[in-house]
Structures are given as C-alpha cells and as structure tokens.
Protein backbone atom coordinates (compact mmCIF):
# COMPACT_ATOMS: atom_id res chain seq x y z
CA MET A 1 -30.75 -181.63 19.14
CA GLY A 2 -27.46 -183.18 18.33
CA LEU A 3 -25.99 -184.08 15.48
CA SER A 4 -26.74 -187.19 14.83
CA GLU A 5 -30.20 -186.95 16.37
CA ASP A 6 -30.81 -185.30 12.98
CA TYR A 7 -30.01 -187.13 10.96
CA LEU A 8 -32.08 -190.41 12.31
CA SER A 9 -34.39 -188.31 11.45
CA GLU A 10 -33.75 -187.72 7.82
CA ASP A 11 -35.48 -190.63 4.97
CA ASP A 12 -31.84 -190.63 2.27
CA LEU A 13 -28.64 -191.02 4.85
CA HIS A 14 -25.60 -189.96 2.68
CA PRO A 15 -22.44 -190.76 4.07
CA ILE A 16 -20.56 -188.04 2.64
CA ASP A 17 -22.98 -185.33 4.05
CA ILE A 18 -22.81 -186.73 6.54
CA VAL A 19 -18.94 -186.10 6.70
CA GLU A 20 -19.65 -182.57 5.56
CA THR A 21 -21.95 -181.33 8.17
CA LEU A 22 -18.87 -182.90 10.32
CA ALA A 23 -16.02 -180.83 8.61
CA THR A 24 -18.55 -177.75 9.66
CA GLU A 25 -19.49 -178.51 13.14
CA HIS A 26 -15.32 -179.14 13.78
CA ALA A 27 -14.16 -175.95 11.55
CA TRP A 28 -11.95 -178.51 9.14
CA GLU A 29 -10.91 -177.09 5.23
CA PHE A 30 -12.87 -179.40 3.22
CA ASP A 31 -13.37 -179.60 -0.51
CA ARG A 32 -16.21 -181.62 -1.97
CA VAL A 33 -14.82 -183.22 -5.01
CA THR A 34 -17.64 -184.84 -6.29
CA GLU A 35 -21.77 -185.72 -4.60
CA ASP A 36 -19.82 -189.38 -3.17
CA GLN A 37 -15.72 -188.27 -2.40
CA ILE A 38 -14.80 -184.92 0.12
CA ALA A 39 -11.22 -183.93 0.95
CA MET A 40 -9.99 -182.57 4.04
CA ALA A 41 -7.27 -181.47 6.10
CA VAL A 42 -7.22 -181.84 10.22
CA GLU A 43 -4.76 -180.65 12.40
CA GLY A 44 -3.06 -183.07 14.58
CA GLN A 45 0.08 -182.05 17.06
CA TRP A 46 2.47 -182.97 14.73
CA ARG A 47 1.47 -181.76 11.61
CA THR A 48 -1.92 -181.86 8.90
CA TYR A 49 -3.45 -184.70 7.97
CA SER A 50 -4.73 -184.79 4.54
CA LEU A 51 -8.08 -186.82 4.82
CA THR A 52 -10.32 -187.70 1.95
CA LEU A 53 -13.48 -190.33 2.40
CA ALA A 54 -15.45 -191.91 -0.06
CA TRP A 55 -18.78 -193.88 -0.73
CA SER A 56 -18.93 -196.66 -3.50
CA PRO A 57 -22.43 -197.29 -3.99
CA GLN A 58 -21.61 -199.91 -5.98
CA ASP A 59 -19.50 -202.63 -2.91
CA GLU A 60 -21.20 -200.06 0.05
CA THR A 61 -18.23 -199.09 1.17
CA LEU A 62 -17.16 -196.02 2.48
CA ARG A 63 -13.53 -195.32 2.13
CA LEU A 64 -11.56 -193.31 4.01
CA ILE A 65 -7.21 -192.66 3.78
CA CYS A 66 -5.72 -190.58 6.30
CA THR A 67 -2.36 -188.80 4.09
CA PHE A 68 0.70 -187.00 5.37
CA GLU A 69 4.02 -186.57 3.79
CA MET A 70 6.87 -188.57 3.44
CA ASP A 71 10.65 -188.63 2.06
CA PRO A 72 12.88 -191.25 3.85
CA PRO A 73 15.82 -191.73 2.91
CA LEU A 74 16.57 -194.88 0.09
CA ASP A 75 18.49 -196.95 3.35
CA ARG A 76 16.16 -196.55 5.70
CA ARG A 77 13.13 -197.51 3.14
CA ALA A 78 13.60 -201.51 4.15
CA ASN A 79 13.22 -199.96 8.33
CA LEU A 80 10.68 -197.67 7.79
CA PHE A 81 9.24 -201.29 6.04
CA ASP A 82 9.25 -203.11 9.33
CA VAL A 83 8.19 -200.67 11.55
CA LEU A 84 5.22 -200.49 9.29
CA ASN A 85 4.67 -203.61 10.48
CA ARG A 86 4.84 -203.85 13.32
CA CYS A 87 2.56 -200.63 14.16
CA ASN A 88 0.12 -202.27 12.16
CA ASP A 89 -0.33 -205.04 14.33
CA MET A 90 -0.99 -202.72 16.69
CA VAL A 91 -4.42 -201.84 15.75
CA TRP A 92 -6.82 -203.03 14.42
CA THR A 93 -9.03 -199.86 12.74
CA GLY A 94 -7.58 -199.72 9.69
CA ALA A 95 -4.10 -199.96 8.94
CA PHE A 96 0.07 -197.77 7.50
CA THR A 97 0.54 -198.24 3.59
CA TYR A 98 3.48 -196.17 2.07
CA TRP A 99 3.20 -194.55 -1.32
CA ASP A 100 6.79 -194.96 -2.88
CA GLU A 101 5.94 -192.41 -5.72
CA GLN A 102 3.83 -190.33 -4.57
CA LYS A 103 5.77 -189.88 -0.90
CA LEU A 104 3.03 -190.36 1.18
CA MET A 105 2.07 -192.64 4.69
CA VAL A 106 -1.61 -194.01 3.93
CA TRP A 107 -3.87 -194.65 7.26
CA ARG A 108 -6.49 -196.72 4.69
CA TYR A 109 -9.82 -197.71 6.57
CA GLY A 110 -13.28 -199.63 4.55
CA LEU A 111 -16.46 -199.38 6.51
CA CYS A 112 -18.39 -202.01 4.58
CA LEU A 113 -22.54 -200.91 4.92
CA ALA A 114 -23.87 -204.06 2.58
CA GLY A 115 -28.08 -204.21 2.68
CA GLY A 116 -28.71 -201.22 3.35
CA GLN A 117 -27.18 -199.74 6.44
CA PHE A 118 -26.26 -196.65 7.33
CA ALA A 119 -23.27 -195.25 9.01
CA SER A 120 -24.41 -193.28 12.60
CA PRO A 121 -22.15 -189.49 12.45
CA HIS A 122 -20.88 -191.18 15.25
CA GLN A 123 -20.22 -194.36 13.82
CA ILE A 124 -18.17 -191.60 10.79
CA ASP A 125 -16.49 -189.01 13.66
CA ARG A 126 -15.20 -191.96 15.41
CA LEU A 127 -14.12 -192.61 11.90
CA ILE A 128 -11.78 -190.37 10.95
CA SER A 129 -11.28 -189.54 14.61
CA SER A 130 -9.52 -192.96 14.13
CA ALA A 131 -7.50 -192.60 11.93
CA VAL A 132 -5.65 -188.62 13.17
CA LEU A 133 -4.73 -190.48 16.60
CA ALA A 134 -3.28 -193.37 14.72
CA ALA A 135 -0.74 -190.78 12.45
CA GLU A 136 -0.57 -189.07 15.36
CA ARG A 137 0.23 -192.31 17.94
CA PHE A 138 2.82 -193.69 14.95
CA TYR A 139 4.41 -190.49 13.95
CA PRO A 140 7.27 -189.99 16.43
CA ALA A 141 8.53 -193.74 15.06
CA PHE A 142 8.02 -192.89 11.60
CA GLN A 143 10.37 -189.88 12.40
CA MET A 144 12.96 -191.68 14.39
CA VAL A 145 13.12 -195.16 12.16
CA CYS A 146 13.98 -192.84 8.94
CA TRP A 147 15.82 -190.04 10.17
CA GLY A 148 16.76 -191.08 13.73
CA ASP A 149 19.04 -193.32 13.82
CA LYS A 150 16.51 -195.73 15.58
CA SER A 151 16.12 -199.40 14.95
CA PRO A 152 12.60 -199.97 14.38
CA ALA A 153 12.49 -201.48 17.96
CA ASP A 154 13.58 -199.10 19.79
CA ALA A 155 11.70 -196.56 17.28
CA MET A 156 8.05 -198.61 18.29
CA HIS A 157 9.08 -197.30 21.97
CA VAL A 158 8.62 -193.31 21.49
CA ALA A 159 4.51 -194.85 20.16
CA ILE A 160 2.63 -193.12 22.09
CA ALA A 161 0.44 -195.71 24.10
CA GLU A 162 -3.40 -195.43 23.37
CA ALA A 163 -5.47 -193.86 26.56
CA TYR A 164 -7.70 -195.37 27.97
CA GLY A 165 -10.78 -194.21 30.46
CA ARG A 166 -11.39 -190.65 30.03
CA ALA A 167 -9.49 -187.23 32.42
C-alpha cells in the first residue's frame, strides 16, 4: 500500500503529519516545531534549503517557505530585485522575495484548503519539490547578478529551463 493510500484511509488528515511522513520517507532532517509547523532541510544541487511548512486552521491554508542565505553587495541589490521580478514572471506555483533583515532568499507558497478540503501526500510532495526545483533553477541567476557582474537579462539566460516529459 502506498503512502497516499495509507493516509486516504484515515479519518483525520493533518497536513503537517503528512509532511512529517514524507520527510521521514525522503530521509530529510526535520523538526516538528509545533503541532501545526515543521521545519526541515532538503539537500539540493547548489546548496541545502531550509523549508518550513505551517498549517493555519483559521484560514485553512498550508504555507510553505523555502529559504537560503544570501547577502548581496549593496550596489547589486537593485539588480537582484530586477532578476527576482524576472524569475517571478516565469513561475506560477509560488514567488521569490528577499528578506533583507534576515539576509534570506525566500520562495513562498500558500495552498488554500478551504471548505474542509485536505492535501494529499502527492500534492504536498509536489509542493515541496516545486519549491526546491524553483530555488535550484534560479540560484545561478541570483549568484551571477549579485557576484558575477552580470545584468539581470544576462543572468536569466543561465536559469535552468524547466524540464518536460520523462527521461
């Protein structure tokens, strides 16, 4: 029986329980911060990404943030914000932002589960993998615009194209 079949037979599906099971299955380091929040580390090609997923029962939303450290030179910040806008124009399943005070690049997404809906393990796994794939895809562009002295347009040429189909 697959992971999703195990969960679909349960009456009370808590999204963070599903995330914890997925983290265990993928052997990701994680910390169940509260009943409604989990933090984990996911290894990518470029770096390790910190992911936090939090369930908000008040607005029935599963929130995900994927972060990695970035402290660009002050004179390159305008170019970073330009490349962020260009990246966000190319994605549909979340958005990047830069948290200057924390020196973090952030990928954010909120999955609305209003009306008693639940997220399947497959949906949550896709949510997590989409966040890491977006970070992996655009990480080189962020690096080139901040430290490689490339223009935002030139830096976007190195963004890894989305793959379609199967190998």
